[in-house]
C-alpha atoms as a PDB file:
ATOM      1  CA  MET A   1     109.668 104.376  97.215  1.00  0.00           C
ATOM      2  CA  ARG A   2     108.907 101.512  94.919  1.00  0.00           C
ATOM      3  CA  ALA A   3     106.342 101.419  92.164  1.00  0.00           C
ATOM      4  CA  LEU A   4     105.129  98.862  89.680  1.00  0.00           C
ATOM      5  CA  ILE A   5     103.603 100.740  86.746  1.00  0.00           C
ATOM      6  CA  GLN A   6     101.280  99.123  84.230  1.00  0.00           C
ATOM      7  CA  ARG A   7     100.055 100.775  81.043  1.00  0.00           C
ATOM      8  CA  VAL A   8      96.323 100.064  80.935  1.00  0.00           C
ATOM      9  CA  THR A   9      93.298 100.644  78.769  1.00  0.00           C
ATOM     10  CA  TRP A  10      91.136 100.267  81.884  1.00  0.00           C
ATOM     11  CA  ALA A  11      91.558  99.538  85.598  1.00  0.00           C
ATOM     12  CA  ASP A  12      89.513  99.637  88.766  1.00  0.00           C
ATOM     13  CA  VAL A  13      89.810  98.896  92.471  1.00  0.00           C
ATOM     14  CA  VAL A  14      87.004  97.447  94.583  1.00  0.00           C
ATOM     15  CA  VAL A  15      86.675  97.392  98.389  1.00  0.00           C
ATOM     16  CA  ASP A  16      83.822  95.532 100.093  1.00  0.00           C
ATOM     17  CA  GLY A  17      82.036  95.077  96.768  1.00  0.00           C
ATOM     18  CA  GLN A  18      82.138  98.810  95.936  1.00  0.00           C
ATOM     19  CA  THR A  19      84.223 100.347  93.149  1.00  0.00           C
ATOM     20  CA  ILE A  20      86.220 103.120  94.794  1.00  0.00           C
ATOM     21  CA  GLY A  21      88.518 104.030  91.889  1.00  0.00           C
ATOM     22  CA  GLU A  22      88.361 103.510  88.139  1.00  0.00           C
ATOM     23  CA  ILE A  23      90.229 104.833  85.103  1.00  0.00           C
ATOM     24  CA  GLU A  24      90.287 104.299  81.387  1.00  0.00           C
ATOM     25  CA  GLN A  25      93.520 104.779  79.425  1.00  0.00           C
ATOM     26  CA  GLY A  26      96.474 105.534  81.657  1.00  0.00           C
ATOM     27  CA  LEU A  27      98.574 103.967  84.381  1.00  0.00           C
ATOM     28  CA  LEU A  28      97.844 101.573  87.207  1.00  0.00           C
ATOM     29  CA  ILE A  29     100.514 102.393  89.784  1.00  0.00           C
ATOM     30  CA  LEU A  30     101.121  99.974  92.659  1.00  0.00           C
ATOM     31  CA  VAL A  31     103.233 101.885  95.190  1.00  0.00           C
ATOM     32  CA  CYS A  32     105.089 101.059  98.405  1.00  0.00           C
ATOM     33  CA  ALA A  33     106.849 103.395 100.817  1.00  0.00           C
ATOM     34  CA  MET A  34     110.072 101.944 102.175  1.00  0.00           C
ATOM     35  CA  GLN A  35     111.783 102.640 105.503  1.00  0.00           C
ATOM     36  CA  GLY A  36     113.557 105.983 105.323  1.00  0.00           C
ATOM     37  CA  ASP A  37     111.455 107.360 102.454  1.00  0.00           C
ATOM     38  CA  THR A  38     110.321 110.976 102.629  1.00  0.00           C
ATOM     39  CA  GLU A  39     107.967 113.310 100.804  1.00  0.00           C
ATOM     40  CA  SER A  40     110.898 114.181  98.530  1.00  0.00           C
ATOM     41  CA  GLU A  41     111.077 110.586  97.229  1.00  0.00           C
ATOM     42  CA  ALA A  42     107.310 110.591  96.685  1.00  0.00           C
ATOM     43  CA  GLU A  43     107.531 113.790  94.637  1.00  0.00           C
ATOM     44  CA  LYS A  44     110.522 112.568  92.589  1.00  0.00           C
ATOM     45  CA  LEU A  45     108.791 109.281  91.826  1.00  0.00           C
ATOM     46  CA  ALA A  46     105.592 111.068  90.796  1.00  0.00           C
ATOM     47  CA  GLY A  47     107.584 113.355  88.510  1.00  0.00           C
ATOM     48  CA  ARG A  48     109.429 110.466  86.870  1.00  0.00           C
ATOM     49  CA  ILE A  49     106.208 108.513  86.322  1.00  0.00           C
ATOM     50  CA  ALA A  50     104.352 111.529  84.876  1.00  0.00           C
ATOM     51  CA  LYS A  51     107.145 111.906  82.266  1.00  0.00           C
ATOM     52  CA  LEU A  52     107.702 108.181  81.582  1.00  0.00           C
ATOM     53  CA  ARG A  53     107.336 107.725  77.820  1.00  0.00           C
ATOM     54  CA  ILE A  54     105.598 104.359  77.478  1.00  0.00           C
ATOM     55  CA  PHE A  55     102.605 105.257  75.307  1.00  0.00           C
ATOM     56  CA  LYS A  56     102.729 104.935  71.524  1.00  0.00           C
ATOM     57  CA  ASP A  57     103.088 107.937  69.241  1.00  0.00           C
ATOM     58  CA  GLU A  58     101.745 108.180  65.680  1.00  0.00           C
ATOM     59  CA  ALA A  59     104.627 105.976  64.461  1.00  0.00           C
ATOM     60  CA  GLY A  60     103.857 103.261  67.017  1.00  0.00           C
ATOM     61  CA  LYS A  61     106.947 103.986  69.136  1.00  0.00           C
ATOM     62  CA  MET A  62     106.773 104.355  72.914  1.00  0.00           C
ATOM     63  CA  ASN A  63     107.394 108.084  72.883  1.00  0.00           C
ATOM     64  CA  ARG A  64     104.529 109.654  74.849  1.00  0.00           C
ATOM     65  CA  SER A  65     103.854 109.987  78.564  1.00  0.00           C
ATOM     66  CA  VAL A  66     100.592 109.652  80.462  1.00  0.00           C
ATOM     67  CA  THR A  67     100.615 113.449  80.627  1.00  0.00           C
ATOM     68  CA  ASP A  68     101.059 113.704  76.835  1.00  0.00           C
ATOM     69  CA  ILE A  69      98.074 111.445  76.098  1.00  0.00           C
ATOM     70  CA  GLY A  70      95.748 113.029  78.672  1.00  0.00           C
ATOM     71  CA  GLY A  71      95.579 109.741  80.568  1.00  0.00           C
ATOM     72  CA  ALA A  72      94.744 109.079  84.205  1.00  0.00           C
ATOM     73  CA  CYS A  73      96.391 107.245  87.094  1.00  0.00           C
ATOM     74  CA  LEU A  74      94.956 104.676  89.473  1.00  0.00           C
ATOM     75  CA  VAL A  75      97.243 104.573  92.518  1.00  0.00           C
ATOM     76  CA  VAL A  76      97.025 101.538  94.800  1.00  0.00           C
ATOM     77  CA  SER A  77      99.101 101.047  97.943  1.00  0.00           C
ATOM     78  CA  GLN A  78     100.885  97.704  97.994  1.00  0.00           C
ATOM     79  CA  PHE A  79     103.290  97.015 100.849  1.00  0.00           C
ATOM     80  CA  THR A  80     104.114  93.617  99.353  1.00  0.00           C
ATOM     81  CA  LEU A  81     106.421  95.400  96.883  1.00  0.00           C
ATOM     82  CA  ALA A  82     108.812  95.469  99.868  1.00  0.00           C
ATOM     83  CA  ALA A  83     108.968  91.669  99.909  1.00  0.00           C
ATOM     84  CA  ASP A  84     112.317  90.144 100.816  1.00  0.00           C
ATOM     85  CA  THR A  85     112.435  86.681  99.252  1.00  0.00           C
ATOM     86  CA  SER A  86     116.132  86.037  99.857  1.00  0.00           C
ATOM     87  CA  ARG A  87     115.576  83.457 102.615  1.00  0.00           C
ATOM     88  CA  GLY A  88     113.085  80.639 102.926  1.00  0.00           C
ATOM     89  CA  ASN A  89     109.676  80.419 101.344  1.00  0.00           C
ATOM     90  CA  ARG A  90     107.859  83.112 103.284  1.00  0.00           C
ATOM     91  CA  PRO A  91     108.592  86.709 102.202  1.00  0.00           C
ATOM     92  CA  GLY A  92     109.520  89.270 104.820  1.00  0.00           C
ATOM     93  CA  PHE A  93     108.250  92.842 104.751  1.00  0.00           C
ATOM     94  CA  SER A  94     110.426  94.507 107.393  1.00  0.00           C
ATOM     95  CA  THR A  95     111.834  97.031 104.905  1.00  0.00           C
ATOM     96  CA  ALA A  96     108.408  98.572 104.252  1.00  0.00           C
ATOM     97  CA  ALA A  97     107.656 101.854 106.001  1.00  0.00           C
ATOM     98  CA  ALA A  98     105.506 101.695 109.132  1.00  0.00           C
ATOM     99  CA  PRO A  99     101.786 101.883 108.258  1.00  0.00           C
ATOM    100  CA  GLU A 100     101.272 105.487 109.424  1.00  0.00           C
ATOM    101  CA  ILE A 101     104.276 106.649 107.395  1.00  0.00           C
ATOM    102  CA  GLY A 102     103.314 104.490 104.424  1.00  0.00           C
ATOM    103  CA  ASP A 103      99.805 105.959 104.369  1.00  0.00           C
ATOM    104  CA  ARG A 104     101.116 109.528 104.604  1.00  0.00           C
ATOM    105  CA  LEU A 105     103.593 108.962 101.748  1.00  0.00           C
ATOM    106  CA  TYR A 106     100.980 107.150  99.638  1.00  0.00           C
ATOM    107  CA  GLN A 107      98.660 110.151 100.000  1.00  0.00           C
ATOM    108  CA  HIS A 108     101.522 112.556  99.286  1.00  0.00           C
ATOM    109  CA  PHE A 109     102.522 110.608  96.158  1.00  0.00           C
ATOM    110  CA  SER A 110      98.916 110.713  94.880  1.00  0.00           C
ATOM    111  CA  LYS A 111      98.730 114.462  95.565  1.00  0.00           C
ATOM    112  CA  ALA A 112     102.048 115.010  93.766  1.00  0.00           C
ATOM    113  CA  LEU A 113     100.610 113.355  90.639  1.00  0.00           C
ATOM    114  CA  ARG A 114      97.501 115.560  90.909  1.00  0.00           C
ATOM    115  CA  ASP A 115      99.715 118.628  91.322  1.00  0.00           C
ATOM    116  CA  LEU A 116     101.343 117.677  88.010  1.00  0.00           C
ATOM    117  CA  GLY A 117      97.911 117.932  86.370  1.00  0.00           C
ATOM    118  CA  LEU A 118      97.057 114.240  86.196  1.00  0.00           C
ATOM    119  CA  PRO A 119      93.603 112.871  87.052  1.00  0.00           C
ATOM    120  CA  VAL A 120      94.179 110.440  89.936  1.00  0.00           C
ATOM    121  CA  GLU A 121      91.944 107.771  91.433  1.00  0.00           C
ATOM    122  CA  THR A 122      93.097 105.776  94.456  1.00  0.00           C
ATOM    123  CA  GLY A 123      92.560 102.612  96.386  1.00  0.00           C
ATOM    124  CA  GLU A 124      92.172 102.554 100.164  1.00  0.00           C
ATOM    125  CA  PHE A 125      95.362 102.260 102.192  1.00  0.00           C
ATOM    126  CA  GLY A 126      95.423  99.074 104.282  1.00  0.00           C
ATOM    127  CA  ALA A 127      92.191  97.701 102.841  1.00  0.00           C
ATOM    128  CA  ASP A 128      91.691  94.293 101.248  1.00  0.00           C
ATOM    129  CA  MET A 129      91.325  95.435  97.636  1.00  0.00           C
ATOM    130  CA  ALA A 130      90.404  93.689  94.402  1.00  0.00           C
ATOM    131  CA  VAL A 131      92.243  95.299  91.497  1.00  0.00           C
ATOM    132  CA  SER A 132      91.206  94.588  87.900  1.00  0.00           C
ATOM    133  CA  LEU A 133      92.916  95.833  84.768  1.00  0.00           C
ATOM    134  CA  THR A 134      93.442  95.416  81.094  1.00  0.00           C
ATOM    135  CA  ASN A 135      97.195  95.690  80.627  1.00  0.00           C
ATOM    136  CA  ASP A 136      97.971  97.413  77.341  1.00  0.00           C
ATOM    137  CA  GLY A 137     100.912  95.858  75.511  1.00  0.00           C
ATOM    138  CA  PRO A 138     101.523  94.417  78.040  1.00  0.00           C
ATOM    139  CA  VAL A 139     103.780  97.135  79.413  1.00  0.00           C
ATOM    140  CA  THR A 140     104.913  96.806  83.029  1.00  0.00           C
ATOM    141  CA  ILE A 141     107.736  98.906  84.496  1.00  0.00           C
ATOM    142  CA  TRP A 142     109.459  98.700  87.897  1.00  0.00           C
ATOM    143  CA  MET A 143     110.798 101.877  89.556  1.00  0.00           C
ATOM    144  CA  ASP A 144     112.584 102.360  92.852  1.00  0.00           C
ATOM    145  CA  THR A 145     113.864 105.727  94.063  1.00  0.00           C
ATOM    146  CA  ALA A 146     116.735 103.899  95.793  1.00  0.00           C
ATOM    147  CA  ASP A 147     118.090 102.980  92.338  1.00  0.00           C
ATOM    148  CA  ARG A 148     118.911 106.614  91.490  1.00  0.00           C
ATOM    149  CA  ALA A 149     121.721 108.631  92.955  1.00  0.00           C
END
């Protein structure tokens, strides 16, 4: 699974003019299930993100996790993280998981974060969403479970 994680002071997601998810301090997590991903990858990614130390401590160093600060997560599905831009000018998305698998893993990932004690808001899988945020730092981190052995 792939995730783009942004440290935020605020974020929301809107579908059809209605806010369906909103957080204050925490993480906006854009997530994409890739072909071959399983629930195990979703759980590992959730665990890594929950422990990721990108929030400032008393000394101003990035030494605290979203769990440590009592922050929340806004999880938004984004299949475009699977973009292959190696040829031509139009990205390909053939490495993304099929929609039914992607939705299942997106839901499982969100549940895994909740199971770790984090408050989680979500977008709507497959919907045309408007995501707004105030990036804090800015801090933006890329994670891919395929990068770890």
